[in-house]
Structures are given as C-alpha cells and as structure tokens.
Amino acid sequence: MNPPTSATPASIRPQPWLAWLYLALAVAGGVLPWLANLDYMREYGSSFDIGVFVELANANPAAQSLSRDLLVGASAITIWMVIESRRLAMRHLWLVLLSSVTVAFAFAAPLFLFLRERRLAELAREAASAPN
C-alpha cells in the first residue's frame, strides 16, 4: 500500500463550475434566511429583538436541535475557515466573518468556499507559469 501523497494547493486541479455553485449557494444562503428574518420582524416588530429571536430559536426541541446544530457546525467551520484562509494566504476573510453575523452563516460559508476555489485556481495558475 502506498502512503497518501500530500496535495498542495497548486497540485489541486481547479473546478471553475464549483466556484459558481458555491456562489449560487451563497446567494440562496443570504436571501432565504433574510426572508425569514423579514417575516420575523413583521410579526414581532421591526426592531429585531435578539432576545425574542433567541427565545423563539429555543422554543421547542426541534428549534433547539436546529439552533444547537448550527452553533456547533458553524463554530467548527469558522475555525477551519480562519486556518484555511491563513494556509492559502486568502484575502477578504474579514468580509466572510462579518457577513456570518450580519447576513447569515448560510451566506458566509458558501462565500468562503467560493473565495477559496478562486484562490486555489490562482495558485494553480501561478504554479503552472512558474519556471521548473
């Protein structure tokens, strides 16, 4: 059995369609939660009372399950995004992290993946044009 080879960012073949898929998911991840947020503001007041929002997010076991699932999953992915962006020397991580709390994590995570795919493609182009 051969040991696994270590794939460097430059050795990973870019998938341009994947970047666009991530971007489409980011758009959906921004629009769909905010449609629900707008419904919440219509029903509970336009001030967006975060206390009431959190209370409703934990109002029953199903809501608690989804809230806790999001909290743990988003925490793990956020840690990975920070580490991965440093590893790949990515730009604009601040925008991703800010959008995670101001737009939606469902927007920020696919946005990060879109930016990561673009960075991997950039690294592959640099490796291909570098003299051997």
C-alpha atoms as a PDB file:
ATOM      1  CA  MET A   1       0.000   0.000   0.000  1.00  0.00           C
ATOM      2  CA  ASN A   2       1.381   3.401  -0.977  1.00  0.00           C
ATOM      3  CA  PRO A   3       1.353   6.226   1.547  1.00  0.00           C
ATOM      4  CA  PRO A   4      -1.032   9.036   0.709  1.00  0.00           C
ATOM      5  CA  THR A   5       0.525  11.853  -1.247  1.00  0.00           C
ATOM      6  CA  SER A   6       0.304  15.324   0.148  1.00  0.00           C
ATOM      7  CA  ALA A   7      -1.709  17.551  -2.156  1.00  0.00           C
ATOM      8  CA  THR A   8      -0.515  21.113  -2.260  1.00  0.00           C
ATOM      9  CA  PRO A   9      -2.916  23.861  -3.294  1.00  0.00           C
ATOM     10  CA  ALA A  10      -1.074  24.207  -6.601  1.00  0.00           C
ATOM     11  CA  SER A  11      -1.453  20.471  -7.349  1.00  0.00           C
ATOM     12  CA  ILE A  12      -5.235  20.539  -6.938  1.00  0.00           C
ATOM     13  CA  ARG A  13      -6.972  20.902 -10.260  1.00  0.00           C
ATOM     14  CA  PRO A  14      -9.386  23.856 -10.105  1.00  0.00           C
ATOM     15  CA  GLN A  15     -13.063  23.234 -10.802  1.00  0.00           C
ATOM     16  CA  PRO A  16     -14.490  26.544 -12.135  1.00  0.00           C
ATOM     17  CA  TRP A  17     -18.076  25.232 -12.024  1.00  0.00           C
ATOM     18  CA  LEU A  18     -17.672  24.512  -8.326  1.00  0.00           C
ATOM     19  CA  ALA A  19     -16.848  28.149  -7.556  1.00  0.00           C
ATOM     20  CA  TRP A  20     -20.038  29.265  -9.322  1.00  0.00           C
ATOM     21  CA  LEU A  21     -22.083  26.628  -7.486  1.00  0.00           C
ATOM     22  CA  TYR A  22     -20.744  27.950  -4.172  1.00  0.00           C
ATOM     23  CA  LEU A  23     -21.602  31.499  -5.238  1.00  0.00           C
ATOM     24  CA  ALA A  24     -25.169  30.448  -6.097  1.00  0.00           C
ATOM     25  CA  LEU A  25     -25.468  28.775  -2.697  1.00  0.00           C
ATOM     26  CA  ALA A  26     -24.161  31.949  -1.042  1.00  0.00           C
ATOM     27  CA  VAL A  27     -26.880  33.977  -2.749  1.00  0.00           C
ATOM     28  CA  ALA A  28     -29.532  31.473  -1.628  1.00  0.00           C
ATOM     29  CA  GLY A  29     -27.973  31.436   1.841  1.00  0.00           C
ATOM     30  CA  GLY A  30     -28.287  35.204   2.026  1.00  0.00           C
ATOM     31  CA  VAL A  31     -31.777  35.537   0.609  1.00  0.00           C
ATOM     32  CA  LEU A  32     -33.621  32.647   2.270  1.00  0.00           C
ATOM     33  CA  PRO A  33     -32.675  33.383   5.899  1.00  0.00           C
ATOM     34  CA  TRP A  34     -33.369  37.071   5.404  1.00  0.00           C
ATOM     35  CA  LEU A  35     -36.817  36.350   4.020  1.00  0.00           C
ATOM     36  CA  ALA A  36     -37.485  34.539   7.305  1.00  0.00           C
ATOM     37  CA  ASN A  37     -35.900  37.444   9.239  1.00  0.00           C
ATOM     38  CA  LEU A  38     -38.223  39.884   7.486  1.00  0.00           C
ATOM     39  CA  ASP A  39     -41.214  37.704   8.389  1.00  0.00           C
ATOM     40  CA  TYR A  40     -39.962  37.677  11.989  1.00  0.00           C
ATOM     41  CA  MET A  41     -39.680  41.485  12.012  1.00  0.00           C
ATOM     42  CA  ARG A  42     -43.182  41.849  10.552  1.00  0.00           C
ATOM     43  CA  GLU A  43     -44.588  39.586  13.247  1.00  0.00           C
ATOM     44  CA  TYR A  44     -42.513  40.660  16.273  1.00  0.00           C
ATOM     45  CA  GLY A  45     -41.567  44.256  15.468  1.00  0.00           C
ATOM     46  CA  SER A  46     -39.092  45.878  13.152  1.00  0.00           C
ATOM     47  CA  SER A  47     -36.517  46.427  15.900  1.00  0.00           C
ATOM     48  CA  PHE A  48     -35.378  42.786  15.594  1.00  0.00           C
ATOM     49  CA  ASP A  49     -35.343  41.979  19.289  1.00  0.00           C
ATOM     50  CA  ILE A  50     -32.466  39.497  19.534  1.00  0.00           C
ATOM     51  CA  GLY A  51     -33.693  38.235  22.914  1.00  0.00           C
ATOM     52  CA  VAL A  52     -37.063  37.230  21.489  1.00  0.00           C
ATOM     53  CA  PHE A  53     -35.326  35.763  18.436  1.00  0.00           C
ATOM     54  CA  VAL A  54     -33.108  33.521  20.600  1.00  0.00           C
ATOM     55  CA  GLU A  55     -36.076  32.591  22.789  1.00  0.00           C
ATOM     56  CA  LEU A  56     -38.027  31.502  19.705  1.00  0.00           C
ATOM     57  CA  ALA A  57     -34.992  29.655  18.348  1.00  0.00           C
ATOM     58  CA  ASN A  58     -35.144  27.551  21.527  1.00  0.00           C
ATOM     59  CA  ALA A  59     -38.932  27.403  21.904  1.00  0.00           C
ATOM     60  CA  ASN A  60     -39.249  23.651  21.376  1.00  0.00           C
ATOM     61  CA  PRO A  61     -36.994  20.610  20.957  1.00  0.00           C
ATOM     62  CA  ALA A  62     -36.974  20.866  17.150  1.00  0.00           C
ATOM     63  CA  ALA A  63     -35.912  24.518  17.252  1.00  0.00           C
ATOM     64  CA  GLN A  64     -33.320  23.718  19.934  1.00  0.00           C
ATOM     65  CA  SER A  65     -31.931  20.905  17.789  1.00  0.00           C
ATOM     66  CA  LEU A  66     -31.543  23.173  14.763  1.00  0.00           C
ATOM     67  CA  SER A  67     -30.084  26.029  16.820  1.00  0.00           C
ATOM     68  CA  ARG A  68     -27.539  23.793  18.531  1.00  0.00           C
ATOM     69  CA  ASP A  69     -26.691  22.045  15.287  1.00  0.00           C
ATOM     70  CA  LEU A  70     -25.994  25.416  13.659  1.00  0.00           C
ATOM     71  CA  LEU A  71     -23.981  26.666  16.636  1.00  0.00           C
ATOM     72  CA  VAL A  72     -21.658  23.665  16.759  1.00  0.00           C
ATOM     73  CA  GLY A  73     -21.340  23.253  12.987  1.00  0.00           C
ATOM     74  CA  ALA A  74     -20.794  26.944  12.339  1.00  0.00           C
ATOM     75  CA  SER A  75     -18.216  27.126  15.119  1.00  0.00           C
ATOM     76  CA  ALA A  76     -16.214  24.237  13.660  1.00  0.00           C
ATOM     77  CA  ILE A  77     -16.406  25.583  10.116  1.00  0.00           C
ATOM     78  CA  THR A  78     -15.460  29.100  11.250  1.00  0.00           C
ATOM     79  CA  ILE A  79     -12.310  27.750  12.926  1.00  0.00           C
ATOM     80  CA  TRP A  80     -11.462  25.852   9.723  1.00  0.00           C
ATOM     81  CA  MET A  81     -12.122  28.954   7.582  1.00  0.00           C
ATOM     82  CA  VAL A  82      -9.639  31.003   9.635  1.00  0.00           C
ATOM     83  CA  ILE A  83      -6.969  28.291   9.474  1.00  0.00           C
ATOM     84  CA  GLU A  84      -7.558  27.557   5.786  1.00  0.00           C
ATOM     85  CA  SER A  85      -7.505  31.235   4.802  1.00  0.00           C
ATOM     86  CA  ARG A  86      -4.146  31.642   6.541  1.00  0.00           C
ATOM     87  CA  ARG A  87      -2.782  28.466   4.954  1.00  0.00           C
ATOM     88  CA  LEU A  88      -3.753  29.666   1.484  1.00  0.00           C
ATOM     89  CA  ALA A  89      -2.952  33.352   2.164  1.00  0.00           C
ATOM     90  CA  MET A  90      -6.505  34.282   1.203  1.00  0.00           C
ATOM     91  CA  ARG A  91      -7.787  37.818   1.229  1.00  0.00           C
ATOM     92  CA  HIS A  92     -11.157  39.086   2.478  1.00  0.00           C
ATOM     93  CA  LEU A  93     -11.621  36.719   5.428  1.00  0.00           C
ATOM     94  CA  TRP A  94     -12.845  39.694   7.466  1.00  0.00           C
ATOM     95  CA  LEU A  95     -15.718  40.114   4.997  1.00  0.00           C
ATOM     96  CA  VAL A  96     -16.696  36.467   5.357  1.00  0.00           C
ATOM     97  CA  LEU A  97     -16.592  36.589   9.168  1.00  0.00           C
ATOM     98  CA  LEU A  98     -18.545  39.849   9.294  1.00  0.00           C
ATOM     99  CA  SER A  99     -21.196  38.528   6.903  1.00  0.00           C
ATOM    100  CA  SER A 100     -21.557  35.431   9.064  1.00  0.00           C
ATOM    101  CA  VAL A 101     -23.060  37.540  11.853  1.00  0.00           C
ATOM    102  CA  THR A 102     -24.706  40.290   9.787  1.00  0.00           C
ATOM    103  CA  VAL A 103     -26.190  38.322   6.877  1.00  0.00           C
ATOM    104  CA  ALA A 104     -26.228  34.598   7.694  1.00  0.00           C
ATOM    105  CA  PHE A 105     -23.812  31.742   8.194  1.00  0.00           C
ATOM    106  CA  ALA A 106     -25.604  30.095   5.261  1.00  0.00           C
ATOM    107  CA  PHE A 107     -24.270  33.006   3.182  1.00  0.00           C
ATOM    108  CA  ALA A 108     -20.801  33.260   4.707  1.00  0.00           C
ATOM    109  CA  ALA A 109     -19.783  29.599   4.440  1.00  0.00           C
ATOM    110  CA  PRO A 110     -20.507  29.229   0.699  1.00  0.00           C
ATOM    111  CA  LEU A 111     -18.963  32.678   0.110  1.00  0.00           C
ATOM    112  CA  PHE A 112     -15.786  31.452   1.795  1.00  0.00           C
ATOM    113  CA  LEU A 113     -15.835  28.309  -0.362  1.00  0.00           C
ATOM    114  CA  PHE A 114     -16.264  30.470  -3.484  1.00  0.00           C
ATOM    115  CA  LEU A 115     -13.286  32.632  -2.473  1.00  0.00           C
ATOM    116  CA  ARG A 116     -11.271  29.512  -1.620  1.00  0.00           C
ATOM    117  CA  GLU A 117     -11.925  27.966  -5.046  1.00  0.00           C
ATOM    118  CA  ARG A 118     -10.833  31.194  -6.705  1.00  0.00           C
ATOM    119  CA  ARG A 119      -7.662  31.217  -4.582  1.00  0.00           C
ATOM    120  CA  LEU A 120      -6.905  27.581  -5.454  1.00  0.00           C
ATOM    121  CA  ALA A 121      -7.308  28.433  -9.146  1.00  0.00           C
ATOM    122  CA  GLU A 122      -4.985  31.409  -8.700  1.00  0.00           C
ATOM    123  CA  LEU A 123      -2.359  29.221  -7.007  1.00  0.00           C
ATOM    124  CA  ALA A 124      -2.662  26.611  -9.779  1.00  0.00           C
ATOM    125  CA  ARG A 125      -2.128  29.301 -12.435  1.00  0.00           C
ATOM    126  CA  GLU A 126       0.922  30.604 -10.569  1.00  0.00           C
ATOM    127  CA  ALA A 127       2.362  27.075 -10.307  1.00  0.00           C
ATOM    128  CA  ALA A 128       1.743  26.395 -13.994  1.00  0.00           C
ATOM    129  CA  SER A 129       3.502  29.580 -15.054  1.00  0.00           C
ATOM    130  CA  ALA A 130       6.435  29.197 -12.643  1.00  0.00           C
ATOM    131  CA  PRO A 131       9.701  28.041 -14.160  1.00  0.00           C
ATOM    132  CA  ASN A 132      10.602  24.468 -13.218  1.00  0.00           C
END
